[in-house]
Amino acid sequence: SARPRPEPLQLHHGSPPLALHPWRDAEGPPLLLLHELHGNAETLQGV
């Protein structure tokens, strides 16, 4: 079975709360993926 992804972090930077998905932990430069207008983080899985 696939390893379940961790729950997204809830960011509170004012309004509204944001969901930040930590998909992979590794050593090296962090990558932040941002989706298109009608998408969400899940549309970027495997990118």
All heavy atoms as atom14 arrays in JSON, in Angstrom:
{
  "sequence": "SARPRPEPLQLHHGSPPLALHPWRDAEGPPLLLLHELHGNAETLQGV",
  "atom14_mask": [
    [1, 1, 1, 1, 1, 1, 0, 0, 0, 0, 0, 0, 0, 0],
    [1, 1, 1, 1, 1, 0, 0, 0, 0, 0, 0, 0, 0, 0],
    [1, 1, 1, 1, 1, 1, 1, 1, 1, 1, 1, 0, 0, 0],
    [1, 1, 1, 1, 1, 1, 1, 0, 0, 0, 0, 0, 0, 0],
    [1, 1, 1, 1, 1, 1, 1, 1, 1, 1, 1, 0, 0, 0],
    [1, 1, 1, 1, 1, 1, 1, 0, 0, 0, 0, 0, 0, 0],
    [1, 1, 1, 1, 1, 1, 1, 1, 1, 0, 0, 0, 0, 0],
    [1, 1, 1, 1, 1, 1, 1, 0, 0, 0, 0, 0, 0, 0],
    [1, 1, 1, 1, 1, 1, 1, 1, 0, 0, 0, 0, 0, 0],
    [1, 1, 1, 1, 1, 1, 1, 1, 1, 0, 0, 0, 0, 0],
    [1, 1, 1, 1, 1, 1, 1, 1, 0, 0, 0, 0, 0, 0],
    [1, 1, 1, 1, 1, 1, 1, 1, 1, 1, 0, 0, 0, 0],
    [1, 1, 1, 1, 1, 1, 1, 1, 1, 1, 0, 0, 0, 0],
    [1, 1, 1, 1, 0, 0, 0, 0, 0, 0, 0, 0, 0, 0],
    [1, 1, 1, 1, 1, 1, 0, 0, 0, 0, 0, 0, 0, 0],
    [1, 1, 1, 1, 1, 1, 1, 0, 0, 0, 0, 0, 0, 0],
    [1, 1, 1, 1, 1, 1, 1, 0, 0, 0, 0, 0, 0, 0],
    [1, 1, 1, 1, 1, 1, 1, 1, 0, 0, 0, 0, 0, 0],
    [1, 1, 1, 1, 1, 0, 0, 0, 0, 0, 0, 0, 0, 0],
    [1, 1, 1, 1, 1, 1, 1, 1, 0, 0, 0, 0, 0, 0],
    [1, 1, 1, 1, 1, 1, 1, 1, 1, 1, 0, 0, 0, 0],
    [1, 1, 1, 1, 1, 1, 1, 0, 0, 0, 0, 0, 0, 0],
    [1, 1, 1, 1, 1, 1, 1, 1, 1, 1, 1, 1, 1, 1],
    [1, 1, 1, 1, 1, 1, 1, 1, 1, 1, 1, 0, 0, 0],
    [1, 1, 1, 1, 1, 1, 1, 1, 0, 0, 0, 0, 0, 0],
    [1, 1, 1, 1, 1, 0, 0, 0, 0, 0, 0, 0, 0, 0],
    [1, 1, 1, 1, 1, 1, 1, 1, 1, 0, 0, 0, 0, 0],
    [1, 1, 1, 1, 0, 0, 0, 0, 0, 0, 0, 0, 0, 0],
    [1, 1, 1, 1, 1, 1, 1, 0, 0, 0, 0, 0, 0, 0],
    [1, 1, 1, 1, 1, 1, 1, 0, 0, 0, 0, 0, 0, 0],
    [1, 1, 1, 1, 1, 1, 1, 1, 0, 0, 0, 0, 0, 0],
    [1, 1, 1, 1, 1, 1, 1, 1, 0, 0, 0, 0, 0, 0],
    [1, 1, 1, 1, 1, 1, 1, 1, 0, 0, 0, 0, 0, 0],
    [1, 1, 1, 1, 1, 1, 1, 1, 0, 0, 0, 0, 0, 0],
    [1, 1, 1, 1, 1, 1, 1, 1, 1, 1, 0, 0, 0, 0],
    [1, 1, 1, 1, 1, 1, 1, 1, 1, 0, 0, 0, 0, 0],
    [1, 1, 1, 1, 1, 1, 1, 1, 0, 0, 0, 0, 0, 0],
    [1, 1, 1, 1, 1, 1, 1, 1, 1, 1, 0, 0, 0, 0],
    [1, 1, 1, 1, 0, 0, 0, 0, 0, 0, 0, 0, 0, 0],
    [1, 1, 1, 1, 1, 1, 1, 1, 0, 0, 0, 0, 0, 0],
    [1, 1, 1, 1, 1, 0, 0, 0, 0, 0, 0, 0, 0, 0],
    [1, 1, 1, 1, 1, 1, 1, 1, 1, 0, 0, 0, 0, 0],
    [1, 1, 1, 1, 1, 1, 1, 0, 0, 0, 0, 0, 0, 0],
    [1, 1, 1, 1, 1, 1, 1, 1, 0, 0, 0, 0, 0, 0],
    [1, 1, 1, 1, 1, 1, 1, 1, 1, 0, 0, 0, 0, 0],
    [1, 1, 1, 1, 0, 0, 0, 0, 0, 0, 0, 0, 0, 0],
    [1, 1, 1, 1, 1, 1, 1, 0, 0, 0, 0, 0, 0, 0]
  ],
  "atom14_positions": [
    [[0.83, -1.21, 0.0], [0.0, 0.0, 0.0], [0.86, 1.25, 0.0], [1.98, 1.26, 0.5], [-0.93, 0.0, 1.21], [-0.17, 0.08, 2.39], [0.0, 0.0, 0.0], [0.0, 0.0, 0.0], [0.0, 0.0, 0.0], [0.0, 0.0, 0.0], [0.0, 0.0, 0.0], [0.0, 0.0, 0.0], [0.0, 0.0, 0.0], [0.0, 0.0, 0.0]],
    [[0.31, 2.31, -0.58], [1.03, 3.59, -0.61], [1.05, 4.2, 0.78], [0.09, 4.07, 1.55], [0.34, 4.53, -1.59], [0.0, 0.0, 0.0], [0.0, 0.0, 0.0], [0.0, 0.0, 0.0], [0.0, 0.0, 0.0], [0.0, 0.0, 0.0], [0.0, 0.0, 0.0], [0.0, 0.0, 0.0], [0.0, 0.0, 0.0], [0.0, 0.0, 0.0]],
    [[2.15, 4.87, 1.08], [2.28, 5.54, 2.37], [1.35, 6.76, 2.38], [1.36, 7.55, 1.45], [3.72, 5.97, 2.57], [4.02, 6.41, 3.97], [5.48, 6.65, 4.15], [5.83, 7.88, 3.46], [7.05, 8.23, 3.15], [8.06, 7.45, 3.41], [7.29, 9.36, 2.54], [0.0, 0.0, 0.0], [0.0, 0.0, 0.0], [0.0, 0.0, 0.0]],
    [[0.52, 6.92, 3.42], [-0.4, 8.06, 3.44], [0.38, 9.37, 3.57], [1.42, 9.43, 4.21], [-1.26, 7.82, 4.68], [-0.5, 6.85, 5.52], [0.4, 6.08, 4.59], [0.0, 0.0, 0.0], [0.0, 0.0, 0.0], [0.0, 0.0, 0.0], [0.0, 0.0, 0.0], [0.0, 0.0, 0.0], [0.0, 0.0, 0.0], [0.0, 0.0, 0.0]],
    [[-0.13, 10.38, 2.92], [0.49, 11.71, 3.0], [0.15, 12.33, 4.34], [-0.93, 12.12, 4.88], [-0.03, 12.6, 1.89], [0.47, 12.1, 0.56], [0.3, 13.16, -0.47], [0.86, 12.61, -1.7], [1.49, 13.31, -2.58], [1.63, 14.58, -2.41], [1.98, 12.76, -3.65], [0.0, 0.0, 0.0], [0.0, 0.0, 0.0], [0.0, 0.0, 0.0]],
    [[1.08, 13.14, 4.86], [0.78, 13.82, 6.12], [-0.35, 14.84, 5.93], [-0.59, 15.31, 4.83], [2.1, 14.52, 6.49], [2.97, 14.43, 5.3], [2.4, 13.41, 4.37], [0.0, 0.0, 0.0], [0.0, 0.0, 0.0], [0.0, 0.0, 0.0], [0.0, 0.0, 0.0], [0.0, 0.0, 0.0], [0.0, 0.0, 0.0], [0.0, 0.0, 0.0]],
    [[-1.01, 15.12, 7.01], [-2.07, 16.14, 6.97], [-1.46, 17.49, 6.59], [-0.33, 17.79, 6.95], [-2.73, 16.27, 8.35], [-3.6, 15.1, 8.71], [-4.83, 15.01, 7.83], [-5.48, 16.04, 7.59], [-5.11, 13.89, 7.37], [0.0, 0.0, 0.0], [0.0, 0.0, 0.0], [0.0, 0.0, 0.0], [0.0, 0.0, 0.0], [0.0, 0.0, 0.0]],
    [[-2.21, 18.31, 5.86], [-1.66, 19.63, 5.51], [-1.51, 20.51, 6.74], [-2.26, 20.38, 7.71], [-2.7, 20.21, 4.54], [-3.94, 19.44, 4.77], [-3.53, 18.1, 5.3], [0.0, 0.0, 0.0], [0.0, 0.0, 0.0], [0.0, 0.0, 0.0], [0.0, 0.0, 0.0], [0.0, 0.0, 0.0], [0.0, 0.0, 0.0], [0.0, 0.0, 0.0]],
    [[-0.51, 21.38, 6.68], [-0.33, 22.38, 7.73], [-1.34, 23.49, 7.5], [-1.6, 23.86, 6.35], [1.08, 22.96, 7.67], [2.23, 21.97, 7.72], [3.55, 22.66, 7.4], [2.29, 21.32, 9.08], [0.0, 0.0, 0.0], [0.0, 0.0, 0.0], [0.0, 0.0, 0.0], [0.0, 0.0, 0.0], [0.0, 0.0, 0.0], [0.0, 0.0, 0.0]],
    [[-1.92, 24.01, 8.56], [-2.85, 25.13, 8.45], [-2.09, 26.42, 8.74], [-1.55, 26.58, 9.84], [-4.03, 24.97, 9.41], [-4.96, 23.85, 9.04], [-5.69, 24.12, 7.74], [-6.28, 25.17, 7.54], [-5.63, 23.16, 6.83], [0.0, 0.0, 0.0], [0.0, 0.0, 0.0], [0.0, 0.0, 0.0], [0.0, 0.0, 0.0], [0.0, 0.0, 0.0]],
    [[-2.03, 27.31, 7.76], [-1.34, 28.58, 7.91], [-2.36, 29.68, 8.16], [-3.37, 29.76, 7.44], [-0.54, 28.92, 6.65], [0.43, 27.88, 6.14], [1.15, 28.4, 4.91], [1.43, 27.51, 7.22], [0.0, 0.0, 0.0], [0.0, 0.0, 0.0], [0.0, 0.0, 0.0], [0.0, 0.0, 0.0], [0.0, 0.0, 0.0], [0.0, 0.0, 0.0]],
    [[-2.11, 30.49, 9.15], [-3.01, 31.6, 9.48], [-2.22, 32.9, 9.33], [-1.5, 33.3, 10.23], [-3.55, 31.44, 10.91], [-4.34, 30.18, 11.07], [-5.65, 30.07, 10.71], [-3.98, 28.96, 11.52], [-6.08, 28.84, 10.94], [-5.08, 28.14, 11.44], [0.0, 0.0, 0.0], [0.0, 0.0, 0.0], [0.0, 0.0, 0.0], [0.0, 0.0, 0.0]],
    [[-2.35, 33.5, 8.16], [-1.6, 34.73, 7.88], [-2.54, 35.92, 7.79], [-2.2, 36.95, 7.25], [-0.78, 34.58, 6.58], [-1.61, 34.61, 5.33], [-1.58, 35.65, 4.46], [-2.48, 33.72, 4.83], [-2.4, 35.41, 3.46], [-2.95, 34.23, 3.66], [0.0, 0.0, 0.0], [0.0, 0.0, 0.0], [0.0, 0.0, 0.0], [0.0, 0.0, 0.0]],
    [[-3.67, 35.8, 8.33], [-4.73, 36.8, 8.23], [-6.0, 36.03, 7.91], [-6.43, 35.21, 8.68], [0.0, 0.0, 0.0], [0.0, 0.0, 0.0], [0.0, 0.0, 0.0], [0.0, 0.0, 0.0], [0.0, 0.0, 0.0], [0.0, 0.0, 0.0], [0.0, 0.0, 0.0], [0.0, 0.0, 0.0], [0.0, 0.0, 0.0], [0.0, 0.0, 0.0]],
    [[-6.53, 36.26, 6.75], [-7.73, 35.55, 6.35], [-7.57, 35.17, 4.9], [-7.13, 35.98, 4.1], [-8.93, 36.47, 6.53], [-10.1, 35.89, 6.03], [0.0, 0.0, 0.0], [0.0, 0.0, 0.0], [0.0, 0.0, 0.0], [0.0, 0.0, 0.0], [0.0, 0.0, 0.0], [0.0, 0.0, 0.0], [0.0, 0.0, 0.0], [0.0, 0.0, 0.0]],
    [[-7.91, 34.05, 4.51], [-8.42, 32.87, 5.2], [-7.28, 31.93, 5.6], [-6.14, 32.14, 5.19], [-9.28, 32.21, 4.12], [-8.54, 32.49, 2.86], [-7.95, 33.88, 3.05], [0.0, 0.0, 0.0], [0.0, 0.0, 0.0], [0.0, 0.0, 0.0], [0.0, 0.0, 0.0], [0.0, 0.0, 0.0], [0.0, 0.0, 0.0], [0.0, 0.0, 0.0]],
    [[-7.58, 30.86, 6.35], [-6.54, 29.86, 6.62], [-6.16, 29.14, 5.33], [-7.0, 28.91, 4.47], [-7.19, 28.91, 7.62], [-8.65, 29.14, 7.5], [-8.86, 30.53, 6.99], [0.0, 0.0, 0.0], [0.0, 0.0, 0.0], [0.0, 0.0, 0.0], [0.0, 0.0, 0.0], [0.0, 0.0, 0.0], [0.0, 0.0, 0.0], [0.0, 0.0, 0.0]],
    [[-4.88, 28.81, 5.21], [-4.36, 28.15, 4.02], [-3.88, 26.75, 4.35], [-3.37, 26.5, 5.44], [-3.17, 28.95, 3.46], [-3.45, 30.38, 3.07], [-2.15, 31.11, 2.73], [-4.42, 30.43, 1.89], [0.0, 0.0, 0.0], [0.0, 0.0, 0.0], [0.0, 0.0, 0.0], [0.0, 0.0, 0.0], [0.0, 0.0, 0.0], [0.0, 0.0, 0.0]],
    [[-4.02, 25.85, 3.39], [-3.56, 24.47, 3.54], [-2.25, 24.3, 2.78], [-2.21, 24.44, 1.55], [-4.6, 23.49, 3.02], [0.0, 0.0, 0.0], [0.0, 0.0, 0.0], [0.0, 0.0, 0.0], [0.0, 0.0, 0.0], [0.0, 0.0, 0.0], [0.0, 0.0, 0.0], [0.0, 0.0, 0.0], [0.0, 0.0, 0.0], [0.0, 0.0, 0.0]],
    [[-1.17, 24.02, 3.52], [0.15, 23.76, 2.94], [0.43, 22.27, 3.07], [0.49, 21.74, 4.18], [1.22, 24.59, 3.66], [2.66, 24.37, 3.2], [2.83, 24.78, 1.73], [3.62, 25.14, 4.09], [0.0, 0.0, 0.0], [0.0, 0.0, 0.0], [0.0, 0.0, 0.0], [0.0, 0.0, 0.0], [0.0, 0.0, 0.0], [0.0, 0.0, 0.0]],
    [[0.6, 21.61, 1.95], [0.79, 20.16, 1.92], [2.28, 19.82, 1.88], [2.94, 20.1, 0.88], [0.1, 19.56, 0.69], [-1.37, 19.83, 0.64], [-2.29, 18.95, 1.11], [-2.06, 20.91, 0.18], [-3.5, 19.45, 0.93], [-3.39, 20.64, 0.37], [0.0, 0.0, 0.0], [0.0, 0.0, 0.0], [0.0, 0.0, 0.0], [0.0, 0.0, 0.0]],
    [[2.81, 19.21, 2.95], [4.2, 18.74, 2.93], [4.26, 17.36, 2.3], [3.96, 16.36, 2.93], [4.58, 18.71, 4.42], [3.29, 18.47, 5.13], [2.2, 19.05, 4.27], [0.0, 0.0, 0.0], [0.0, 0.0, 0.0], [0.0, 0.0, 0.0], [0.0, 0.0, 0.0], [0.0, 0.0, 0.0], [0.0, 0.0, 0.0], [0.0, 0.0, 0.0]],
    [[4.62, 17.29, 1.03], [4.54, 16.03, 0.31], [5.77, 15.16, 0.46], [5.69, 13.95, 0.41], [4.28, 16.28, -1.16], [2.84, 16.59, -1.43], [1.8, 16.47, -0.56], [2.28, 17.07, -2.64], [0.63, 16.83, -1.15], [0.9, 17.21, -2.44], [2.82, 17.39, -3.87], [0.05, 17.66, -3.44], [1.97, 17.84, -4.85], [0.6, 17.96, -4.64]],
    [[6.93, 15.75, 0.56], [8.13, 14.93, 0.7], [9.15, 15.67, 1.54], [9.37, 16.85, 1.35], [8.73, 14.6, -0.67], [9.9, 13.61, -0.54], [10.46, 13.16, -1.87], [11.13, 14.25, -2.55], [10.89, 14.62, -3.8], [9.99, 13.99, -4.51], [11.55, 15.61, -4.35], [0.0, 0.0, 0.0], [0.0, 0.0, 0.0], [0.0, 0.0, 0.0]],
    [[9.77, 14.95, 2.46], [10.83, 15.5, 3.29], [12.14, 14.93, 2.77], [12.26, 13.72, 2.56], [10.6, 15.12, 4.74], [11.49, 15.9, 5.69], [12.01, 16.95, 5.28], [11.67, 15.46, 6.83], [0.0, 0.0, 0.0], [0.0, 0.0, 0.0], [0.0, 0.0, 0.0], [0.0, 0.0, 0.0], [0.0, 0.0, 0.0], [0.0, 0.0, 0.0]],
    [[13.1, 15.79, 2.54], [14.41, 15.37, 2.05], [15.4, 16.49, 2.3], [15.02, 17.61, 2.61], [14.34, 15.04, 0.56], [0.0, 0.0, 0.0], [0.0, 0.0, 0.0], [0.0, 0.0, 0.0], [0.0, 0.0, 0.0], [0.0, 0.0, 0.0], [0.0, 0.0, 0.0], [0.0, 0.0, 0.0], [0.0, 0.0, 0.0], [0.0, 0.0, 0.0]],
    [[16.67, 16.17, 2.19], [17.72, 17.18, 2.31], [17.87, 17.87, 0.96], [17.9, 17.22, -0.07], [19.04, 16.52, 2.71], [19.03, 15.95, 4.11], [18.82, 17.01, 5.19], [19.39, 18.11, 5.06], [18.08, 16.72, 6.14], [0.0, 0.0, 0.0], [0.0, 0.0, 0.0], [0.0, 0.0, 0.0], [0.0, 0.0, 0.0], [0.0, 0.0, 0.0]],
    [[17.97, 19.2, 0.99], [18.16, 19.95, -0.25], [17.24, 21.16, -0.27], [16.52, 21.44, 0.69], [0.0, 0.0, 0.0], [0.0, 0.0, 0.0], [0.0, 0.0, 0.0], [0.0, 0.0, 0.0], [0.0, 0.0, 0.0], [0.0, 0.0, 0.0], [0.0, 0.0, 0.0], [0.0, 0.0, 0.0], [0.0, 0.0, 0.0], [0.0, 0.0, 0.0]],
    [[17.24, 21.87, -1.38], [16.42, 23.09, -1.48], [14.93, 22.74, -1.52], [14.52, 21.84, -2.26], [16.88, 23.73, -2.78], [17.47, 22.62, -3.58], [18.02, 21.63, -2.6], [0.0, 0.0, 0.0], [0.0, 0.0, 0.0], [0.0, 0.0, 0.0], [0.0, 0.0, 0.0], [0.0, 0.0, 0.0], [0.0, 0.0, 0.0], [0.0, 0.0, 0.0]],
    [[14.12, 23.45, -0.72], [12.68, 23.17, -0.74], [12.01, 23.72, -2.0], [12.4, 24.77, -2.52], [12.16, 23.88, 0.52], [13.22, 24.84, 0.9], [14.5, 24.41, 0.29], [0.0, 0.0, 0.0], [0.0, 0.0, 0.0], [0.0, 0.0, 0.0], [0.0, 0.0, 0.0], [0.0, 0.0, 0.0], [0.0, 0.0, 0.0], [0.0, 0.0, 0.0]],
    [[11.01, 23.02, -2.48], [10.23, 23.39, -3.65], [8.79, 23.61, -3.21], [8.2, 22.77, -2.53], [10.29, 22.27, -4.7], [9.42, 22.45, -5.94], [9.89, 23.64, -6.77], [9.44, 21.17, -6.78], [0.0, 0.0, 0.0], [0.0, 0.0, 0.0], [0.0, 0.0, 0.0], [0.0, 0.0, 0.0], [0.0, 0.0, 0.0], [0.0, 0.0, 0.0]],
    [[8.22, 24.76, -3.61], [6.82, 25.06, -3.35], [6.08, 25.1, -4.68], [6.43, 25.88, -5.57], [6.66, 26.41, -2.63], [5.23, 26.9, -2.41], [4.42, 25.91, -1.56], [5.24, 28.28, -1.78], [0.0, 0.0, 0.0], [0.0, 0.0, 0.0], [0.0, 0.0, 0.0], [0.0, 0.0, 0.0], [0.0, 0.0, 0.0], [0.0, 0.0, 0.0]],
    [[5.06, 24.26, -4.82], [4.26, 24.18, -6.03], [2.97, 24.97, -5.85], [2.29, 24.85, -4.82], [3.92, 22.72, -6.34], [5.12, 21.78, -6.54], [4.65, 20.34, -6.65], [5.92, 22.2, -7.76], [0.0, 0.0, 0.0], [0.0, 0.0, 0.0], [0.0, 0.0, 0.0], [0.0, 0.0, 0.0], [0.0, 0.0, 0.0], [0.0, 0.0, 0.0]],
    [[2.63, 25.77, -6.88], [1.42, 26.59, -6.87], [0.55, 26.22, -8.07], [1.03, 26.2, -9.21], [1.79, 28.08, -6.92], [2.74, 28.56, -5.83], [3.18, 30.0, -6.09], [2.08, 28.44, -4.47], [0.0, 0.0, 0.0], [0.0, 0.0, 0.0], [0.0, 0.0, 0.0], [0.0, 0.0, 0.0], [0.0, 0.0, 0.0], [0.0, 0.0, 0.0]],
    [[-0.71, 25.94, -7.84], [-1.6, 25.42, -8.87], [-2.22, 26.52, -9.73], [-2.15, 27.7, -9.42], [-2.7, 24.56, -8.23], [-3.55, 25.31, -7.26], [-4.57, 26.14, -7.65], [-3.51, 25.37, -5.91], [-5.14, 26.67, -6.58], [-4.51, 26.22, -5.5], [0.0, 0.0, 0.0], [0.0, 0.0, 0.0], [0.0, 0.0, 0.0], [0.0, 0.0, 0.0]],
    [[-2.9, 26.08, -10.79], [-3.61, 26.99, -11.68], [-4.93, 27.45, -11.06], [-5.32, 26.95, -10.0], [-3.86, 26.32, -13.03], [-4.95, 25.26, -12.99], [-4.46, 23.88, -13.29], [-3.36, 23.74, -13.84], [-5.17, 22.93, -12.96], [0.0, 0.0, 0.0], [0.0, 0.0, 0.0], [0.0, 0.0, 0.0], [0.0, 0.0, 0.0], [0.0, 0.0, 0.0]],
    [[-5.62, 28.34, -11.76], [-6.81, 28.99, -11.21], [-7.9, 28.0, -10.78], [-8.46, 28.14, -9.72], [-7.38, 29.99, -12.22], [-8.53, 30.85, -11.71], [-8.12, 31.65, -10.48], [-9.0, 31.79, -12.81], [0.0, 0.0, 0.0], [0.0, 0.0, 0.0], [0.0, 0.0, 0.0], [0.0, 0.0, 0.0], [0.0, 0.0, 0.0], [0.0, 0.0, 0.0]],
    [[-8.21, 27.03, -11.58], [-9.31, 26.13, -11.23], [-8.82, 24.79, -10.68], [-9.55, 23.81, -10.67], [-10.21, 25.89, -12.45], [-10.9, 27.14, -12.88], [-11.91, 27.72, -12.16], [-10.69, 27.94, -13.94], [-12.3, 28.82, -12.77], [-11.57, 28.97, -13.85], [0.0, 0.0, 0.0], [0.0, 0.0, 0.0], [0.0, 0.0, 0.0], [0.0, 0.0, 0.0]],
    [[-7.59, 24.78, -10.17], [-7.03, 23.57, -9.62], [-6.9, 23.64, -8.12], [-7.54, 24.46, -7.44], [0.0, 0.0, 0.0], [0.0, 0.0, 0.0], [0.0, 0.0, 0.0], [0.0, 0.0, 0.0], [0.0, 0.0, 0.0], [0.0, 0.0, 0.0], [0.0, 0.0, 0.0], [0.0, 0.0, 0.0], [0.0, 0.0, 0.0], [0.0, 0.0, 0.0]],
    [[-6.08, 22.77, -7.59], [-5.71, 22.77, -6.18], [-4.4, 22.0, -6.07], [-3.87, 21.53, -7.08], [-6.82, 22.18, -5.3], [-7.19, 20.77, -5.68], [-6.31, 19.92, -5.87], [-8.48, 20.5, -5.8], [0.0, 0.0, 0.0], [0.0, 0.0, 0.0], [0.0, 0.0, 0.0], [0.0, 0.0, 0.0], [0.0, 0.0, 0.0], [0.0, 0.0, 0.0]],
    [[-3.89, 21.86, -4.88], [-2.6, 21.2, -4.7], [-2.6, 19.79, -5.29], [-1.61, 19.36, -5.88], [-2.23, 21.17, -3.22], [0.0, 0.0, 0.0], [0.0, 0.0, 0.0], [0.0, 0.0, 0.0], [0.0, 0.0, 0.0], [0.0, 0.0, 0.0], [0.0, 0.0, 0.0], [0.0, 0.0, 0.0], [0.0, 0.0, 0.0], [0.0, 0.0, 0.0]],
    [[-3.7, 19.09, -5.17], [-3.76, 17.7, -5.65], [-3.52, 17.6, -7.15], [-3.03, 16.57, -7.62], [-5.1, 17.07, -5.28], [-5.29, 16.88, -3.78], [-4.22, 15.98, -3.15], [-3.92, 14.91, -3.72], [-3.68, 16.36, -2.11], [0.0, 0.0, 0.0], [0.0, 0.0, 0.0], [0.0, 0.0, 0.0], [0.0, 0.0, 0.0], [0.0, 0.0, 0.0]],
    [[-3.84, 18.65, -7.91], [-3.61, 18.59, -9.35], [-2.13, 18.59, -9.71], [-1.76, 18.32, -10.85], [-4.3, 19.76, -10.09], [-3.75, 21.0, -9.65], [-5.8, 19.74, -9.85], [0.0, 0.0, 0.0], [0.0, 0.0, 0.0], [0.0, 0.0, 0.0], [0.0, 0.0, 0.0], [0.0, 0.0, 0.0], [0.0, 0.0, 0.0], [0.0, 0.0, 0.0]],
    [[-1.27, 18.88, -8.73], [0.17, 18.92, -8.96], [0.9, 17.67, -8.45], [2.12, 17.61, -8.49], [0.77, 20.17, -8.29], [0.23, 21.49, -8.83], [0.69, 22.64, -7.96], [0.67, 21.68, -10.27], [0.0, 0.0, 0.0], [0.0, 0.0, 0.0], [0.0, 0.0, 0.0], [0.0, 0.0, 0.0], [0.0, 0.0, 0.0], [0.0, 0.0, 0.0]],
    [[0.15, 16.67, -8.0], [0.78, 15.44, -7.53], [1.65, 14.84, -8.63], [1.26, 14.8, -9.79], [-0.27, 14.41, -7.14], [-0.85, 14.64, -5.79], [-1.71, 13.48, -5.37], [-2.57, 13.02, -6.11], [-1.47, 13.0, -4.18], [0.0, 0.0, 0.0], [0.0, 0.0, 0.0], [0.0, 0.0, 0.0], [0.0, 0.0, 0.0], [0.0, 0.0, 0.0]],
    [[2.82, 14.41, -8.26], [3.71, 13.76, -9.2], [4.47, 14.7, -10.12], [5.17, 14.25, -11.01], [0.0, 0.0, 0.0], [0.0, 0.0, 0.0], [0.0, 0.0, 0.0], [0.0, 0.0, 0.0], [0.0, 0.0, 0.0], [0.0, 0.0, 0.0], [0.0, 0.0, 0.0], [0.0, 0.0, 0.0], [0.0, 0.0, 0.0], [0.0, 0.0, 0.0]],
    [[4.37, 16.02, -9.91], [5.02, 16.99, -10.79], [6.53, 16.96, -10.64], [7.25, 17.12, -11.62], [4.48, 18.41, -10.55], [5.35, 19.46, -11.17], [3.06, 18.52, -11.07], [0.0, 0.0, 0.0], [0.0, 0.0, 0.0], [0.0, 0.0, 0.0], [0.0, 0.0, 0.0], [0.0, 0.0, 0.0], [0.0, 0.0, 0.0], [0.0, 0.0, 0.0]]
  ]
}
